[in-house]
Amino acid sequence: MEKKRIGIMSCNIYCNFTNYGSALQTYAMQKVINNMDNNAYEAVVMDYCPKTMLDKDILNPFKHMWDKDPVARKMCELTLPAIRINNDKFNRFYSDRFNLSSQKYTSKNFQECVSKEKLDGFVVGSDTVFCLEEFDLDDGYFANYPEMKNKTVSYAASFGDSHFTDESFGRLDSLLGNFKALGIRENNFIDYVKSKVSVPVERTIDPTLLLDASDYDEITATRIYAEPYVLMYARRYNKSMEDYTRKIAQQNGWKIVEISLRATNAELGHEVRYDAGVEEFLSLVKNAEMLVTNSFHGMIFAVQYCTPFVAFSRDQCDNKIEELLDLFGIDDRLFITGSEPDPAEIDFAGVHDRIMKARTRSLDFFKKELEICFS
């Protein structure tokens, strides 16, 4: 039987700053689809640029930086050499690890994609593709192109911390009807979506959790630093998180390795590794004594590799961070100020058991979605 070709519509290649989690959730989605139902499907990662990303430039990110203060902008300027190296590594990752579509697609040429890529259907997700503030209910992410209607499902699509108005809720209600089934990553919109559609809707875990550590070991770089270190991975600058990392490093005699835009921390003896590629990121998380982060996917890969961690609060991301910690059963890992009591030691066996149960449910639903899509 000829394999069904499925286009993955997700946020990864086009952004203001590269994102390890976005790249790895797409990598995981592709791998899961290809292994589904006795290899009945072939995933194609769509080189798709949503409208809100058309004017973004990774090599010149200043116009769309979240942080507007002069210090943050200066740090970004000083990090530009590392940003260029990082971008080159991400592009190699996309080329080497993704089964990419034959060309780039936007709203102007999307009508060509089904015939050019020989697609039978689409999966939208994962990550915050449904977030109003990030993508403004993009036609590609809400299956609103004629080529996608009635042949699309979502998997672990996230609304993030969206703030809808009556007008945008009206738009959302109309767009949800484009899907044949909906897998949603967080609980906060599940009941609302169920009330608006007559198709199957279920909470599904992030695709990076559908694989285990052995799957990522296939692409993880060898250990980079011989000495013990604490890794700080900052998706956005947080002084409390930085101070906490220094305290932990001093208490334990650990080196500090960090992935952040805070370039001048190198003058304090930190190993600032914004230049790290995806494979190096995995290695840095795997081999750290501890991870301090405000990244959703940073937490996931710490758990995958049984690396102790604490997670700091981050604007517009608290809901997904809190729900992930709840899934893991380790709510005490969320810090606000860094002065919170030391959390209990993580029972990784217990966490992995919880993940396994959620993985089974999510894979069962995903299989059902694909059967519905191609029935």
Protein backbone atom coordinates (compact mmCIF):
# COMPACT_ATOMS: atom_id res chain seq x y z
CA MET A 1 0.00 0.00 0.00
CA GLU A 2 1.31 3.45 -0.91
CA LYS A 3 2.11 5.63 2.08
CA LYS A 4 -0.10 8.61 2.85
CA ARG A 5 1.94 11.83 2.76
CA ILE A 6 1.18 14.17 5.65
CA GLY A 7 2.28 17.80 5.72
CA ILE A 8 3.36 19.01 9.17
CA MET A 9 2.35 22.63 9.71
CA SER A 10 4.21 24.08 12.67
CA CYS A 11 6.35 26.97 13.85
CA ASN A 12 10.08 26.27 13.56
CA ILE A 13 12.08 27.70 10.64
CA TYR A 14 10.69 31.24 10.72
CA CYS A 15 11.05 33.14 13.98
CA ASN A 16 12.78 36.12 15.55
CA PHE A 17 15.11 33.90 17.59
CA THR A 18 15.82 30.23 17.00
CA ASN A 19 14.12 27.86 19.42
CA TYR A 20 15.39 24.40 20.38
CA GLY A 21 11.93 23.31 21.47
CA SER A 22 10.30 24.28 18.18
CA ALA A 23 12.90 22.37 16.19
CA LEU A 24 12.73 19.30 18.42
CA GLN A 25 8.94 19.10 18.59
CA THR A 26 8.89 19.03 14.79
CA TYR A 27 11.64 16.40 14.76
CA ALA A 28 9.61 14.29 17.18
CA MET A 29 6.36 14.77 15.25
CA GLN A 30 8.01 13.66 12.03
CA LYS A 31 9.49 10.58 13.69
CA VAL A 32 6.21 9.60 15.36
CA ILE A 33 4.17 9.96 12.16
CA ASN A 34 6.68 7.92 10.17
CA ASN A 35 6.50 5.11 12.74
CA MET A 36 2.72 5.19 13.10
CA ASP A 37 0.48 2.29 12.04
CA ASN A 38 3.19 0.06 10.56
CA ASN A 39 4.78 2.90 8.60
CA ALA A 40 1.57 3.78 6.77
CA TYR A 41 2.47 7.48 6.62
CA GLU A 42 5.29 9.69 5.41
CA ALA A 43 5.72 13.06 7.10
CA VAL A 44 6.71 16.14 5.12
CA VAL A 45 7.77 19.16 7.19
CA MET A 46 6.22 22.12 5.42
CA ASP A 47 8.62 25.00 4.86
CA TYR A 48 5.78 27.37 5.71
CA CYS A 49 6.08 30.98 6.80
CA PRO A 50 2.98 32.43 8.53
CA LYS A 51 2.06 36.04 7.85
CA THR A 52 3.26 37.27 11.25
CA MET A 53 6.76 35.95 10.53
CA LEU A 54 7.25 37.38 7.04
CA ASP A 55 9.18 40.40 8.29
CA LYS A 56 11.21 38.56 10.97
CA ASP A 57 14.96 38.20 10.48
CA ILE A 58 16.93 35.97 12.84
CA LEU A 59 20.15 37.76 11.88
CA ASN A 60 18.61 41.16 12.66
CA PRO A 61 16.15 40.55 15.52
CA PHE A 62 16.06 44.03 17.07
CA LYS A 63 12.81 45.29 15.53
CA HIS A 64 10.73 42.52 17.08
CA MET A 65 12.54 41.95 20.38
CA TRP A 66 10.27 41.41 23.36
CA ASP A 67 12.67 43.31 25.63
CA LYS A 68 12.88 46.96 24.60
CA ASP A 69 15.25 48.30 27.25
CA PRO A 70 18.70 49.50 26.09
CA VAL A 71 20.61 46.90 28.11
CA ALA A 72 18.72 43.99 26.54
CA ARG A 73 19.27 45.40 23.08
CA LYS A 74 22.98 45.88 23.76
CA MET A 75 23.24 42.27 24.96
CA CYS A 76 21.59 41.12 21.74
CA GLU A 77 24.01 43.22 19.69
CA LEU A 78 26.98 41.65 21.48
CA THR A 79 25.49 38.19 20.87
CA LEU A 80 25.14 38.65 17.09
CA PRO A 81 28.28 36.61 16.24
CA ALA A 82 26.90 33.68 18.26
CA ILE A 83 23.43 34.21 16.74
CA ARG A 84 24.92 33.78 13.26
CA ILE A 85 26.70 30.56 14.24
CA ASN A 86 23.58 29.26 15.96
CA ASN A 87 21.46 30.05 12.90
CA ASP A 88 23.84 28.16 10.61
CA LYS A 89 23.63 25.12 12.90
CA PHE A 90 19.84 25.26 12.99
CA ASN A 91 19.70 25.44 9.20
CA ARG A 92 21.90 22.34 9.00
CA PHE A 93 19.59 20.61 11.49
CA TYR A 94 16.55 21.43 9.35
CA SER A 95 18.34 20.20 6.23
CA ASP A 96 19.76 17.03 7.79
CA ARG A 97 16.93 15.98 10.11
CA PHE A 98 13.72 17.15 8.42
CA ASN A 99 12.04 15.74 5.34
CA LEU A 100 11.40 19.27 4.12
CA SER A 101 8.96 20.32 1.44
CA SER A 102 10.50 21.10 -1.92
CA GLN A 103 10.01 24.85 -1.54
CA LYS A 104 8.93 27.61 0.82
CA TYR A 105 5.20 28.31 1.12
CA THR A 106 3.33 31.43 2.18
CA SER A 107 -0.25 32.60 1.72
CA LYS A 108 0.68 33.65 -1.84
CA ASN A 109 1.58 30.21 -3.17
CA PHE A 110 0.06 27.74 -0.70
CA GLN A 111 -2.43 26.53 -3.30
CA GLU A 112 0.47 24.78 -5.05
CA CYS A 113 1.57 22.65 -2.12
CA VAL A 114 -0.78 19.66 -2.37
CA SER A 115 0.16 18.88 -5.97
CA LYS A 116 3.84 19.78 -5.63
CA GLU A 117 4.38 17.79 -2.42
CA LYS A 118 1.82 15.06 -3.28
CA LEU A 119 0.10 15.55 0.07
CA ASP A 120 -2.90 13.56 1.26
CA GLY A 121 -3.54 15.60 4.42
CA PHE A 122 -2.08 17.80 7.15
CA VAL A 123 -1.26 17.76 10.84
CA VAL A 124 -1.10 21.16 12.54
CA GLY A 125 1.08 21.41 15.63
CA SER A 126 2.64 21.25 18.02
CA ASP A 127 3.71 24.33 19.99
CA THR A 128 1.82 27.63 20.29
CA VAL A 129 0.46 27.66 16.73
CA PHE A 130 -3.00 28.57 18.07
CA CYS A 131 -1.71 31.57 20.08
CA LEU A 132 -3.54 34.74 19.07
CA GLU A 133 -0.73 37.07 20.13
CA GLU A 134 1.96 35.14 18.24
CA PHE A 135 0.25 34.18 14.99
CA ASP A 136 -3.07 36.05 14.82
CA LEU A 137 -5.10 32.92 13.95
CA ASP A 138 -2.97 32.18 10.90
CA ASP A 139 -4.72 30.50 7.95
CA GLY A 140 -2.04 27.80 7.76
CA TYR A 141 -2.25 26.95 11.44
CA PHE A 142 -6.07 26.92 11.43
CA ALA A 143 -6.41 24.89 8.21
CA ASN A 144 -8.16 27.80 6.51
CA TYR A 145 -6.58 27.36 3.09
CA PRO A 146 -8.94 25.48 0.73
CA GLU A 147 -6.26 22.81 0.32
CA MET A 148 -6.42 22.01 4.05
CA LYS A 149 -10.13 22.06 4.85
CA ASN A 150 -11.60 18.65 5.76
CA LYS A 151 -8.21 16.97 5.45
CA THR A 152 -6.48 18.35 8.57
CA VAL A 153 -6.16 17.41 12.24
CA SER A 154 -4.22 19.12 15.00
CA TYR A 155 -1.87 17.45 17.46
CA ALA A 156 -0.87 19.17 20.72
CA ALA A 157 -1.63 22.60 19.31
CA SER A 158 -1.35 25.22 22.05
CA PHE A 159 -3.19 28.50 22.61
CA GLY A 160 -0.43 29.64 24.95
CA ASP A 161 -1.68 32.47 27.13
CA SER A 162 -3.96 33.96 24.46
CA HIS A 163 -6.32 36.79 25.36
CA PHE A 164 -9.35 36.71 23.09
CA THR A 165 -11.97 39.40 22.54
CA ASP A 166 -15.55 38.86 21.38
CA GLU A 167 -14.39 39.58 17.82
CA SER A 168 -11.41 37.19 17.90
CA PHE A 169 -13.52 34.50 19.60
CA GLY A 170 -15.91 34.79 16.68
CA ARG A 171 -13.07 34.26 14.22
CA LEU A 172 -11.80 31.31 16.26
CA ASP A 173 -15.22 29.64 16.34
CA SER A 174 -15.39 29.72 12.56
CA LEU A 175 -11.84 28.41 12.06
CA LEU A 176 -12.21 25.45 14.41
CA GLY A 177 -14.68 23.96 11.94
CA ASN A 178 -11.84 23.34 9.48
CA PHE A 179 -10.50 20.38 11.49
CA LYS A 180 -11.59 16.74 11.45
CA ALA A 181 -10.18 16.20 14.96
CA LEU A 182 -8.31 18.36 17.47
CA GLY A 183 -5.51 17.42 19.83
CA ILE A 184 -4.86 20.34 22.22
CA ARG A 185 -1.74 20.58 24.39
CA GLU A 186 -3.09 22.37 27.47
CA ASN A 187 -6.35 22.15 29.38
CA ASN A 188 -7.21 25.84 29.38
CA PHE A 189 -9.11 25.78 26.06
CA ILE A 190 -10.26 22.16 25.93
CA ASP A 191 -13.79 22.75 27.23
CA TYR A 192 -14.24 25.79 25.00
CA VAL A 193 -13.13 23.93 21.87
CA LYS A 194 -15.36 20.96 22.70
CA SER A 195 -18.34 23.29 22.99
CA LYS A 196 -17.77 24.67 19.49
CA VAL A 197 -17.13 21.56 17.37
CA SER A 198 -18.66 18.14 16.85
CA VAL A 199 -15.38 16.35 16.08
CA PRO A 200 -13.16 14.49 18.58
CA VAL A 201 -11.17 16.78 20.91
CA GLU A 202 -8.64 15.62 23.49
CA ARG A 203 -5.70 16.88 25.48
CA THR A 204 -2.47 15.48 24.03
CA ILE A 205 1.08 15.80 25.31
CA ASP A 206 3.84 17.62 23.46
CA PRO A 207 5.34 15.43 20.70
CA THR A 208 8.77 15.62 22.33
CA LEU A 209 7.28 13.46 25.10
CA LEU A 210 6.12 10.81 22.63
CA LEU A 211 9.77 9.78 22.28
CA ASP A 212 12.15 8.81 25.07
CA ALA A 213 15.78 9.58 25.84
CA SER A 214 17.11 6.78 23.63
CA ASP A 215 15.44 8.39 20.61
CA TYR A 216 17.23 11.68 21.29
CA ASP A 217 20.54 9.97 21.99
CA GLU A 218 20.65 9.27 18.26
CA ILE A 219 21.24 12.97 17.62
CA THR A 220 22.78 14.19 20.90
CA ALA A 221 26.35 15.49 20.71
CA THR A 222 29.05 13.97 22.91
CA ARG A 223 29.75 15.55 26.30
CA ILE A 224 31.15 19.06 25.85
CA TYR A 225 32.52 19.93 29.33
CA ALA A 226 34.37 17.41 31.46
CA GLU A 227 33.89 19.27 34.75
CA PRO A 228 30.52 19.41 36.56
CA TYR A 229 28.34 22.37 35.62
CA VAL A 230 24.94 23.93 36.14
CA LEU A 231 23.19 24.91 32.91
CA MET A 232 21.07 28.05 32.79
CA TYR A 233 18.80 28.15 29.75
CA ALA A 234 16.99 31.48 29.56
CA ARG A 235 14.31 32.06 26.94
CA ARG A 236 14.03 35.54 28.41
CA TYR A 237 16.30 37.39 30.82
CA ASN A 238 15.39 36.97 34.47
CA LYS A 239 17.72 38.44 37.10
CA SER A 240 16.27 36.25 39.87
CA MET A 241 17.00 33.17 37.80
CA GLU A 242 20.52 34.38 37.09
CA ASP A 243 21.17 35.09 40.79
CA TYR A 244 19.81 31.67 41.76
CA THR A 245 22.09 29.96 39.23
CA ARG A 246 25.13 31.71 40.65
CA LYS A 247 24.13 30.73 44.18
CA ILE A 248 23.71 27.06 43.24
CA ALA A 249 27.01 27.04 41.35
CA GLN A 250 28.87 28.58 44.28
CA GLN A 251 27.32 26.19 46.83
CA ASN A 252 28.32 23.13 44.80
CA GLY A 253 31.54 24.26 43.17
CA TRP A 254 30.03 23.93 39.71
CA LYS A 255 30.92 25.75 36.53
CA ILE A 256 28.15 27.89 34.99
CA VAL A 257 27.20 27.19 31.38
CA GLU A 258 24.39 29.29 30.01
CA ILE A 259 22.34 29.66 26.86
CA SER A 260 21.16 33.24 26.88
CA LEU A 261 21.63 36.62 25.22
CA ARG A 262 23.54 37.90 28.25
CA ALA A 263 26.88 38.08 26.42
CA THR A 264 28.74 40.00 29.14
CA ASN A 265 28.31 37.10 31.58
CA ALA A 266 31.34 35.61 29.85
CA GLU A 267 33.36 38.27 31.71
CA LEU A 268 32.17 36.65 34.97
CA GLY A 269 33.58 33.29 33.95
CA HIS A 270 30.35 31.82 32.58
CA GLU A 271 30.48 29.70 29.44
CA VAL A 272 27.90 31.54 27.34
CA ARG A 273 26.76 29.16 24.61
CA TYR A 274 24.16 30.90 22.49
CA ASP A 275 26.09 29.42 19.57
CA ALA A 276 25.04 25.87 20.54
CA GLY A 277 23.15 23.89 17.91
CA VAL A 278 20.27 21.51 18.62
CA GLU A 279 22.52 18.49 19.11
CA GLU A 280 24.76 20.48 21.49
CA PHE A 281 21.74 21.74 23.42
CA LEU A 282 20.66 18.15 24.08
CA SER A 283 24.17 17.29 25.27
CA LEU A 284 24.33 20.31 27.56
CA VAL A 285 21.02 19.37 29.21
CA LYS A 286 21.84 15.67 29.43
CA ASN A 287 25.21 16.13 31.11
CA ALA A 288 24.41 19.03 33.46
CA GLU A 289 24.34 18.50 37.20
CA MET A 290 21.28 20.73 37.22
CA LEU A 291 19.23 22.88 34.84
CA VAL A 292 17.83 26.29 35.76
CA THR A 293 15.39 27.49 33.10
CA ASN A 294 12.25 29.35 32.12
CA SER A 295 11.79 27.21 29.02
CA PHE A 296 8.91 24.76 28.55
CA HIS A 297 10.99 22.43 26.41
CA GLY A 298 14.02 22.90 28.63
CA MET A 299 11.97 21.25 31.39
CA ILE A 300 10.93 18.43 29.06
CA PHE A 301 14.48 17.52 28.11
CA ALA A 302 15.65 17.73 31.70
CA VAL A 303 13.02 15.11 32.54
CA GLN A 304 13.89 13.04 29.49
CA TYR A 305 17.52 12.89 30.68
CA CYS A 306 16.78 12.74 34.42
CA THR A 307 18.56 16.03 35.00
CA PRO A 308 17.42 17.83 38.19
CA PHE A 309 15.93 21.24 37.41
CA VAL A 310 13.97 24.23 38.62
CA ALA A 311 11.70 26.30 36.40
CA PHE A 312 11.26 30.05 36.74
CA SER A 313 8.10 31.92 35.85
CA ARG A 314 8.00 33.66 32.46
CA ASP A 315 5.54 36.21 31.06
CA GLN A 316 2.89 34.70 28.74
CA CYS A 317 4.22 31.17 29.41
CA ASP A 318 3.11 30.44 32.97
CA ASN A 319 0.05 28.43 32.00
CA LYS A 320 1.94 25.92 29.89
CA ILE A 321 4.78 25.70 32.43
CA GLU A 322 2.35 25.07 35.30
CA GLU A 323 0.38 22.46 33.35
CA LEU A 324 3.57 20.64 32.37
CA LEU A 325 4.77 20.52 35.98
CA ASP A 326 1.33 19.23 36.96
CA LEU A 327 1.62 16.49 34.33
CA PHE A 328 5.00 15.54 35.81
CA GLY A 329 3.61 15.69 39.36
CA ILE A 330 6.35 18.06 40.55
CA ASP A 331 4.64 21.43 41.05
CA ASP A 332 7.23 22.49 43.64
CA ARG A 333 9.83 23.04 40.89
CA LEU A 334 8.25 26.38 39.87
CA PHE A 335 10.16 29.37 41.26
CA ILE A 336 9.30 33.06 41.17
CA THR A 337 12.00 34.83 43.21
CA GLY A 338 14.65 32.15 43.70
CA SER A 339 14.27 32.35 47.47
CA GLU A 340 11.68 29.54 47.59
CA PRO A 341 12.43 26.49 49.76
CA ASP A 342 14.51 23.79 48.12
CA PRO A 343 12.12 21.44 46.28
CA ALA A 344 12.02 17.73 47.00
CA GLU A 345 14.30 15.44 45.03
CA ILE A 346 12.66 14.42 41.78
CA ASP A 347 11.40 10.85 41.59
CA PHE A 348 12.19 10.44 37.92
CA ALA A 349 10.85 6.89 37.81
CA GLY A 350 7.50 8.21 39.01
CA VAL A 351 7.59 11.09 36.53
CA HIS A 352 8.38 8.74 33.65
CA ASP A 353 5.51 6.50 34.69
CA ARG A 354 3.13 9.46 34.48
CA ILE A 355 4.55 10.37 31.08
CA MET A 356 4.16 6.80 29.83
CA LYS A 357 0.45 6.77 30.71
CA ALA A 358 -0.10 10.14 29.04
CA ARG A 359 1.97 8.98 26.05
CA THR A 360 -0.23 5.91 25.57
CA ARG A 361 -3.41 8.01 25.65
CA SER A 362 -1.97 10.61 23.28
CA LEU A 363 -0.67 8.08 20.76
CA ASP A 364 -4.02 6.29 20.78
CA PHE A 365 -5.79 9.56 20.05
CA PHE A 366 -3.28 10.57 17.38
CA LYS A 367 -3.75 7.23 15.63
CA LYS A 368 -7.51 7.78 15.76
CA GLU A 369 -7.08 11.28 14.32
CA LEU A 370 -5.11 10.01 11.34
CA GLU A 371 -7.65 7.25 10.70
CA ILE A 372 -10.42 9.87 10.73
CA CYS A 373 -8.44 12.16 8.43
CA PHE A 374 -7.87 9.47 5.84
CA SER A 375 -11.12 7.49 6.15
